[in-house]
Amino acid sequence: MTLSTGSGSRRVRGGSCIATVVVAAVASLASVASVASVAAAMPLPVGGTSGVPTGSPSRPPSPPRDVVFTEDHRFYASPWYDGAWQEMIPFGCTQAPYYPRDPSCPRAQPGRHHGIDMFMPCGTKVRSAVRGVVVPTPNLGGAYGRLGMVIRSGRYDYVLGHLRRWYVRPGERVRPGQLVASSGKLAAPDGCHLHFEKRPAGAGYLAAVNPLRSLQRTVRRY
């Protein structure tokens, strides 16, 4: 490499190395520009720049803590209702203050609940998970709400309490998956939920058995 000075020109060592560095830098800049142009032409990932799909399921709402009397806070789906919801009161002895004292229950859980209460917003679709008949005159009493429903299937009655609306008629035959009602809070002191109960056909609530297996719950994680 040659530099000009006041008295002429002189040779500078290392000129070839400097020229090599300059050429390499120019090539690197060209490569960066090429990558940028390619990236600009690529489509954005689903959901925007974050890459999170817009269809990701969100966590469903939970019931107020003061109406929950269980240590199980998982979300459950079931063929008896749409969505996945949390339990409020399990079957059996309970601390919930809505039931008279049962002498067979311990003092810490003095009342007896004859079904399972699943929280869900009012208006949630309720379905039959069995083949059966809607009992024309269920005679459930006021505690289940004026629209309580009984579906008789074989040797058992399935009681759906606190409903807001029916989509079937008394005496109608129903099939698994059929929409039969929407959930509500009629006669419920603890708000919107579905009361699910299982009894021997024609029996009263005192003969109710644990309906957990018939509810066919599966855990959903959010």
C-alpha atoms as a PDB file:
ATOM      1  CA  MET A   1       0.000   0.000   0.000  1.00  0.00           C
ATOM      2  CA  THR A   2       1.365   3.453  -0.873  1.00  0.00           C
ATOM      3  CA  LEU A   3       0.823   6.678   1.104  1.00  0.00           C
ATOM      4  CA  SER A   4       1.485  10.166  -0.259  1.00  0.00           C
ATOM      5  CA  THR A   5       3.621  12.525   1.782  1.00  0.00           C
ATOM      6  CA  GLY A   6       4.892  16.014   1.240  1.00  0.00           C
ATOM      7  CA  SER A   7       8.177  14.747  -0.210  1.00  0.00           C
ATOM      8  CA  GLY A   8       6.756  11.909  -2.282  1.00  0.00           C
ATOM      9  CA  SER A   9       5.450   8.466  -1.694  1.00  0.00           C
ATOM     10  CA  ARG A  10       6.519   5.618   0.604  1.00  0.00           C
ATOM     11  CA  ARG A  11       5.577   1.936   0.887  1.00  0.00           C
ATOM     12  CA  VAL A  12       3.642   0.741   3.982  1.00  0.00           C
ATOM     13  CA  ARG A  13       4.030  -2.827   5.174  1.00  0.00           C
ATOM     14  CA  GLY A  14       0.889  -4.916   5.837  1.00  0.00           C
ATOM     15  CA  GLY A  15      -1.140  -3.313   3.096  1.00  0.00           C
ATOM     16  CA  SER A  16      -2.291  -6.641   1.716  1.00  0.00           C
ATOM     17  CA  CYS A  17      -3.610  -7.671   5.179  1.00  0.00           C
ATOM     18  CA  ILE A  18      -5.628  -4.449   5.515  1.00  0.00           C
ATOM     19  CA  ALA A  19      -7.098  -4.908   2.072  1.00  0.00           C
ATOM     20  CA  THR A  20      -8.101  -8.460   2.972  1.00  0.00           C
ATOM     21  CA  VAL A  21      -9.896  -7.272   6.131  1.00  0.00           C
ATOM     22  CA  VAL A  22     -11.775  -4.586   4.170  1.00  0.00           C
ATOM     23  CA  VAL A  23     -12.948  -7.101   1.576  1.00  0.00           C
ATOM     24  CA  ALA A  24     -14.096  -9.513   4.289  1.00  0.00           C
ATOM     25  CA  ALA A  25     -16.077  -6.764   6.062  1.00  0.00           C
ATOM     26  CA  VAL A  26     -17.838  -5.781   2.844  1.00  0.00           C
ATOM     27  CA  ALA A  27     -18.757  -9.442   2.200  1.00  0.00           C
ATOM     28  CA  SER A  28     -20.126  -9.800   5.754  1.00  0.00           C
ATOM     29  CA  LEU A  29     -22.338  -6.726   5.357  1.00  0.00           C
ATOM     30  CA  ALA A  30     -23.685  -8.095   2.102  1.00  0.00           C
ATOM     31  CA  SER A  31     -24.504 -11.397   3.799  1.00  0.00           C
ATOM     32  CA  VAL A  32     -26.389  -9.646   6.633  1.00  0.00           C
ATOM     33  CA  ALA A  33     -28.394  -7.627   4.138  1.00  0.00           C
ATOM     34  CA  SER A  34     -29.294 -10.802   2.266  1.00  0.00           C
ATOM     35  CA  VAL A  35     -30.488 -12.558   5.451  1.00  0.00           C
ATOM     36  CA  ALA A  36     -32.565  -9.520   6.441  1.00  0.00           C
ATOM     37  CA  SER A  37     -34.301  -9.423   3.094  1.00  0.00           C
ATOM     38  CA  VAL A  38     -35.146 -13.127   3.337  1.00  0.00           C
ATOM     39  CA  ALA A  39     -36.490 -12.716   6.884  1.00  0.00           C
ATOM     40  CA  ALA A  40     -38.659  -9.790   5.810  1.00  0.00           C
ATOM     41  CA  ALA A  41     -40.244 -11.963   3.154  1.00  0.00           C
ATOM     42  CA  MET A  42     -41.061 -14.821   5.588  1.00  0.00           C
ATOM     43  CA  PRO A  43     -44.595 -14.951   7.110  1.00  0.00           C
ATOM     44  CA  LEU A  44     -45.022 -14.306  10.847  1.00  0.00           C
ATOM     45  CA  PRO A  45     -45.692 -17.336  13.104  1.00  0.00           C
ATOM     46  CA  VAL A  46     -49.296 -18.120  14.079  1.00  0.00           C
ATOM     47  CA  GLY A  47     -50.498 -15.805  16.814  1.00  0.00           C
ATOM     48  CA  GLY A  48     -48.258 -12.886  15.914  1.00  0.00           C
ATOM     49  CA  THR A  49     -44.667 -12.107  16.770  1.00  0.00           C
ATOM     50  CA  SER A  50     -44.804 -14.006  20.069  1.00  0.00           C
ATOM     51  CA  GLY A  51     -45.301 -17.334  18.314  1.00  0.00           C
ATOM     52  CA  VAL A  52     -48.124 -18.307  20.709  1.00  0.00           C
ATOM     53  CA  PRO A  53     -51.131 -19.763  18.839  1.00  0.00           C
ATOM     54  CA  THR A  54     -54.172 -17.532  19.119  1.00  0.00           C
ATOM     55  CA  GLY A  55     -56.301 -20.611  19.741  1.00  0.00           C
ATOM     56  CA  SER A  56     -54.504 -21.600  22.983  1.00  0.00           C
ATOM     57  CA  PRO A  57     -57.122 -22.638  25.580  1.00  0.00           C
ATOM     58  CA  SER A  58     -57.503 -20.190  28.459  1.00  0.00           C
ATOM     59  CA  ARG A  59     -58.088 -21.203  32.067  1.00  0.00           C
ATOM     60  CA  PRO A  60     -61.819 -21.422  32.862  1.00  0.00           C
ATOM     61  CA  PRO A  61     -63.220 -19.344  35.726  1.00  0.00           C
ATOM     62  CA  SER A  62     -63.244 -20.829  39.208  1.00  0.00           C
ATOM     63  CA  PRO A  63     -65.957 -20.674  41.882  1.00  0.00           C
ATOM     64  CA  PRO A  64     -65.659 -18.245  44.816  1.00  0.00           C
ATOM     65  CA  ARG A  65     -63.517 -19.759  47.561  1.00  0.00           C
ATOM     66  CA  ASP A  66     -66.233 -19.457  50.205  1.00  0.00           C
ATOM     67  CA  VAL A  67     -68.459 -21.985  48.380  1.00  0.00           C
ATOM     68  CA  VAL A  68     -65.764 -24.618  47.816  1.00  0.00           C
ATOM     69  CA  PHE A  69     -65.536 -27.487  50.310  1.00  0.00           C
ATOM     70  CA  THR A  70     -62.960 -29.776  48.761  1.00  0.00           C
ATOM     71  CA  GLU A  71     -59.182 -30.021  48.451  1.00  0.00           C
ATOM     72  CA  ASP A  72     -59.506 -31.123  44.837  1.00  0.00           C
ATOM     73  CA  HIS A  73     -59.129 -28.039  42.642  1.00  0.00           C
ATOM     74  CA  ARG A  74     -58.559 -29.762  39.330  1.00  0.00           C
ATOM     75  CA  PHE A  75     -60.669 -29.060  36.246  1.00  0.00           C
ATOM     76  CA  TYR A  76     -62.852 -31.914  35.034  1.00  0.00           C
ATOM     77  CA  ALA A  77     -64.602 -32.570  31.746  1.00  0.00           C
ATOM     78  CA  SER A  78     -67.580 -34.932  31.638  1.00  0.00           C
ATOM     79  CA  PRO A  79     -70.048 -36.213  29.045  1.00  0.00           C
ATOM     80  CA  TRP A  80     -72.763 -34.751  31.282  1.00  0.00           C
ATOM     81  CA  TYR A  81     -71.801 -31.128  30.540  1.00  0.00           C
ATOM     82  CA  ASP A  82     -69.831 -28.944  28.159  1.00  0.00           C
ATOM     83  CA  GLY A  83     -66.441 -27.539  29.131  1.00  0.00           C
ATOM     84  CA  ALA A  84     -64.223 -28.425  32.100  1.00  0.00           C
ATOM     85  CA  TRP A  85     -65.017 -27.222  35.600  1.00  0.00           C
ATOM     86  CA  GLN A  86     -64.027 -27.553  39.235  1.00  0.00           C
ATOM     87  CA  GLU A  87     -65.771 -29.414  42.016  1.00  0.00           C
ATOM     88  CA  MET A  88     -67.458 -27.428  44.775  1.00  0.00           C
ATOM     89  CA  ILE A  89     -68.795 -30.120  47.109  1.00  0.00           C
ATOM     90  CA  PRO A  90     -68.033 -33.851  46.834  1.00  0.00           C
ATOM     91  CA  PHE A  91     -70.353 -36.705  47.728  1.00  0.00           C
ATOM     92  CA  GLY A  92     -70.602 -37.675  51.394  1.00  0.00           C
ATOM     93  CA  CYS A  93     -69.791 -35.978  54.681  1.00  0.00           C
ATOM     94  CA  THR A  94     -68.918 -32.308  54.301  1.00  0.00           C
ATOM     95  CA  GLN A  95     -68.202 -29.022  56.073  1.00  0.00           C
ATOM     96  CA  ALA A  96     -70.645 -27.224  53.774  1.00  0.00           C
ATOM     97  CA  PRO A  97     -73.231 -25.483  55.989  1.00  0.00           C
ATOM     98  CA  TYR A  98     -76.283 -26.250  53.838  1.00  0.00           C
ATOM     99  CA  TYR A  99     -77.142 -29.722  55.191  1.00  0.00           C
ATOM    100  CA  PRO A 100     -78.507 -30.962  58.523  1.00  0.00           C
ATOM    101  CA  ARG A 101     -76.236 -32.881  60.834  1.00  0.00           C
ATOM    102  CA  ASP A 102     -75.879 -36.559  59.976  1.00  0.00           C
ATOM    103  CA  PRO A 103     -75.037 -38.794  62.968  1.00  0.00           C
ATOM    104  CA  SER A 104     -72.894 -41.021  60.741  1.00  0.00           C
ATOM    105  CA  CYS A 105     -70.574 -38.101  59.883  1.00  0.00           C
ATOM    106  CA  PRO A 106     -67.685 -36.786  62.020  1.00  0.00           C
ATOM    107  CA  ARG A 107     -67.932 -33.441  63.788  1.00  0.00           C
ATOM    108  CA  ALA A 108     -65.467 -31.845  61.408  1.00  0.00           C
ATOM    109  CA  GLN A 109     -67.787 -32.685  58.486  1.00  0.00           C
ATOM    110  CA  PRO A 110     -71.218 -32.884  60.092  1.00  0.00           C
ATOM    111  CA  GLY A 111     -73.486 -32.657  57.042  1.00  0.00           C
ATOM    112  CA  ARG A 112     -74.075 -35.212  54.289  1.00  0.00           C
ATOM    113  CA  HIS A 113     -74.178 -34.259  50.612  1.00  0.00           C
ATOM    114  CA  HIS A 114     -76.047 -36.765  48.461  1.00  0.00           C
ATOM    115  CA  GLY A 115     -74.487 -35.814  45.132  1.00  0.00           C
ATOM    116  CA  ILE A 116     -71.540 -33.978  43.566  1.00  0.00           C
ATOM    117  CA  ASP A 117     -71.684 -30.251  42.881  1.00  0.00           C
ATOM    118  CA  MET A 118     -69.720 -29.081  39.848  1.00  0.00           C
ATOM    119  CA  PHE A 119     -69.213 -25.360  39.434  1.00  0.00           C
ATOM    120  CA  MET A 120     -70.041 -23.961  36.002  1.00  0.00           C
ATOM    121  CA  PRO A 121     -71.414 -20.640  34.764  1.00  0.00           C
ATOM    122  CA  CYS A 122     -75.184 -20.389  34.506  1.00  0.00           C
ATOM    123  CA  GLY A 123     -76.273 -21.367  31.009  1.00  0.00           C
ATOM    124  CA  THR A 124     -73.651 -24.093  30.503  1.00  0.00           C
ATOM    125  CA  LYS A 125     -75.021 -26.900  28.313  1.00  0.00           C
ATOM    126  CA  VAL A 126     -75.998 -30.027  30.223  1.00  0.00           C
ATOM    127  CA  ARG A 127     -76.235 -33.343  28.348  1.00  0.00           C
ATOM    128  CA  SER A 128     -77.312 -36.900  29.016  1.00  0.00           C
ATOM    129  CA  ALA A 129     -74.521 -39.461  29.162  1.00  0.00           C
ATOM    130  CA  VAL A 130     -76.934 -42.413  29.215  1.00  0.00           C
ATOM    131  CA  ARG A 131     -79.873 -43.814  27.304  1.00  0.00           C
ATOM    132  CA  GLY A 132     -82.989 -43.283  29.348  1.00  0.00           C
ATOM    133  CA  VAL A 133     -86.301 -41.517  29.876  1.00  0.00           C
ATOM    134  CA  VAL A 134     -86.998 -38.120  31.417  1.00  0.00           C
ATOM    135  CA  VAL A 135     -89.181 -38.919  34.441  1.00  0.00           C
ATOM    136  CA  PRO A 136     -92.488 -37.040  34.035  1.00  0.00           C
ATOM    137  CA  THR A 137     -93.079 -36.230  37.728  1.00  0.00           C
ATOM    138  CA  PRO A 138     -89.751 -36.373  39.552  1.00  0.00           C
ATOM    139  CA  ASN A 139     -91.069 -34.961  42.892  1.00  0.00           C
ATOM    140  CA  LEU A 140     -87.614 -33.770  43.895  1.00  0.00           C
ATOM    141  CA  GLY A 141     -88.656 -31.062  46.293  1.00  0.00           C
ATOM    142  CA  GLY A 142     -87.677 -27.408  46.432  1.00  0.00           C
ATOM    143  CA  ALA A 143     -83.999 -27.945  47.259  1.00  0.00           C
ATOM    144  CA  TYR A 144     -83.238 -28.950  43.651  1.00  0.00           C
ATOM    145  CA  GLY A 145     -84.966 -25.950  42.076  1.00  0.00           C
ATOM    146  CA  ARG A 146     -88.283 -25.944  40.246  1.00  0.00           C
ATOM    147  CA  LEU A 147     -86.596 -27.301  37.085  1.00  0.00           C
ATOM    148  CA  GLY A 148     -84.769 -30.259  38.613  1.00  0.00           C
ATOM    149  CA  MET A 149     -84.621 -33.231  36.224  1.00  0.00           C
ATOM    150  CA  VAL A 150     -84.495 -37.008  36.661  1.00  0.00           C
ATOM    151  CA  ILE A 151     -83.298 -39.293  33.868  1.00  0.00           C
ATOM    152  CA  ARG A 152     -84.113 -42.950  34.476  1.00  0.00           C
ATOM    153  CA  SER A 153     -81.727 -45.427  32.902  1.00  0.00           C
ATOM    154  CA  GLY A 154     -82.065 -49.085  33.840  1.00  0.00           C
ATOM    155  CA  ARG A 155     -81.799 -49.568  37.596  1.00  0.00           C
ATOM    156  CA  TYR A 156     -80.818 -45.990  38.391  1.00  0.00           C
ATOM    157  CA  ASP A 157     -82.135 -42.437  38.360  1.00  0.00           C
ATOM    158  CA  TYR A 158     -79.744 -39.586  37.552  1.00  0.00           C
ATOM    159  CA  VAL A 159     -80.753 -36.297  39.173  1.00  0.00           C
ATOM    160  CA  LEU A 160     -79.741 -32.932  37.681  1.00  0.00           C
ATOM    161  CA  GLY A 161     -80.353 -30.068  40.076  1.00  0.00           C
ATOM    162  CA  HIS A 162     -80.570 -26.243  39.904  1.00  0.00           C
ATOM    163  CA  LEU A 163     -81.206 -26.192  36.145  1.00  0.00           C
ATOM    164  CA  ARG A 164     -82.234 -22.991  34.407  1.00  0.00           C
ATOM    165  CA  ARG A 165     -83.853 -24.440  31.299  1.00  0.00           C
ATOM    166  CA  TRP A 166     -84.997 -27.776  29.837  1.00  0.00           C
ATOM    167  CA  TYR A 167     -84.511 -28.766  26.185  1.00  0.00           C
ATOM    168  CA  VAL A 168     -86.501 -32.018  26.447  1.00  0.00           C
ATOM    169  CA  ARG A 169     -90.054 -32.914  27.439  1.00  0.00           C
ATOM    170  CA  PRO A 170     -91.216 -35.077  30.358  1.00  0.00           C
ATOM    171  CA  GLY A 171     -91.432 -38.686  29.186  1.00  0.00           C
ATOM    172  CA  GLU A 172     -89.014 -38.111  26.295  1.00  0.00           C
ATOM    173  CA  ARG A 173     -86.374 -40.722  25.559  1.00  0.00           C
ATOM    174  CA  VAL A 174     -82.822 -39.372  25.551  1.00  0.00           C
ATOM    175  CA  ARG A 175     -79.518 -40.693  24.228  1.00  0.00           C
ATOM    176  CA  PRO A 176     -75.858 -40.115  25.144  1.00  0.00           C
ATOM    177  CA  GLY A 177     -74.639 -36.696  24.027  1.00  0.00           C
ATOM    178  CA  GLN A 178     -78.123 -35.209  23.712  1.00  0.00           C
ATOM    179  CA  LEU A 179     -78.606 -31.670  25.030  1.00  0.00           C
ATOM    180  CA  VAL A 180     -81.177 -31.850  27.819  1.00  0.00           C
ATOM    181  CA  ALA A 181     -80.823 -28.630  29.835  1.00  0.00           C
ATOM    182  CA  SER A 182     -78.728 -25.624  30.791  1.00  0.00           C
ATOM    183  CA  SER A 183     -77.240 -25.108  34.224  1.00  0.00           C
ATOM    184  CA  GLY A 184     -78.488 -22.493  36.637  1.00  0.00           C
ATOM    185  CA  LYS A 185     -78.764 -21.550  40.291  1.00  0.00           C
ATOM    186  CA  LEU A 186     -82.446 -22.032  41.109  1.00  0.00           C
ATOM    187  CA  ALA A 187     -82.731 -22.812  44.848  1.00  0.00           C
ATOM    188  CA  ALA A 188     -78.922 -22.899  45.122  1.00  0.00           C
ATOM    189  CA  PRO A 189     -77.497 -20.861  48.034  1.00  0.00           C
ATOM    190  CA  ASP A 190     -73.995 -21.102  46.554  1.00  0.00           C
ATOM    191  CA  GLY A 191     -74.569 -19.817  43.020  1.00  0.00           C
ATOM    192  CA  CYS A 192     -74.367 -21.356  39.559  1.00  0.00           C
ATOM    193  CA  HIS A 193     -73.491 -25.054  39.442  1.00  0.00           C
ATOM    194  CA  LEU A 194     -74.755 -28.502  38.491  1.00  0.00           C
ATOM    195  CA  HIS A 195     -75.855 -30.890  41.219  1.00  0.00           C
ATOM    196  CA  PHE A 196     -75.382 -34.464  39.991  1.00  0.00           C
ATOM    197  CA  GLU A 197     -76.929 -37.334  41.928  1.00  0.00           C
ATOM    198  CA  LYS A 198     -77.438 -41.071  41.441  1.00  0.00           C
ATOM    199  CA  ARG A 199     -80.186 -43.092  43.138  1.00  0.00           C
ATOM    200  CA  PRO A 200     -81.792 -46.498  42.707  1.00  0.00           C
ATOM    201  CA  ALA A 201     -84.741 -46.044  40.333  1.00  0.00           C
ATOM    202  CA  GLY A 202     -87.732 -44.572  42.154  1.00  0.00           C
ATOM    203  CA  ALA A 203     -85.883 -44.060  45.447  1.00  0.00           C
ATOM    204  CA  GLY A 204     -85.494 -40.860  47.445  1.00  0.00           C
ATOM    205  CA  TYR A 205     -82.369 -38.827  48.140  1.00  0.00           C
ATOM    206  CA  LEU A 206     -81.507 -40.768  51.315  1.00  0.00           C
ATOM    207  CA  ALA A 207     -80.809 -43.808  49.116  1.00  0.00           C
ATOM    208  CA  ALA A 208     -78.376 -41.892  46.879  1.00  0.00           C
ATOM    209  CA  VAL A 209     -75.073 -43.602  46.070  1.00  0.00           C
ATOM    210  CA  ASN A 210     -71.718 -42.116  45.148  1.00  0.00           C
ATOM    211  CA  PRO A 211     -72.134 -40.908  41.525  1.00  0.00           C
ATOM    212  CA  LEU A 212     -68.431 -40.362  40.856  1.00  0.00           C
ATOM    213  CA  ARG A 213     -67.969 -43.215  38.369  1.00  0.00           C
ATOM    214  CA  SER A 214     -71.186 -42.364  36.532  1.00  0.00           C
ATOM    215  CA  LEU A 215     -70.072 -38.736  36.149  1.00  0.00           C
ATOM    216  CA  GLN A 216     -67.147 -40.094  34.072  1.00  0.00           C
ATOM    217  CA  ARG A 217     -64.833 -37.177  34.792  1.00  0.00           C
ATOM    218  CA  THR A 218     -61.499 -36.666  33.084  1.00  0.00           C
ATOM    219  CA  VAL A 219     -58.884 -34.146  34.189  1.00  0.00           C
ATOM    220  CA  ARG A 220     -58.133 -31.158  31.960  1.00  0.00           C
ATOM    221  CA  ARG A 221     -54.949 -29.162  32.559  1.00  0.00           C
ATOM    222  CA  TYR A 222     -54.635 -25.432  31.863  1.00  0.00           C
END
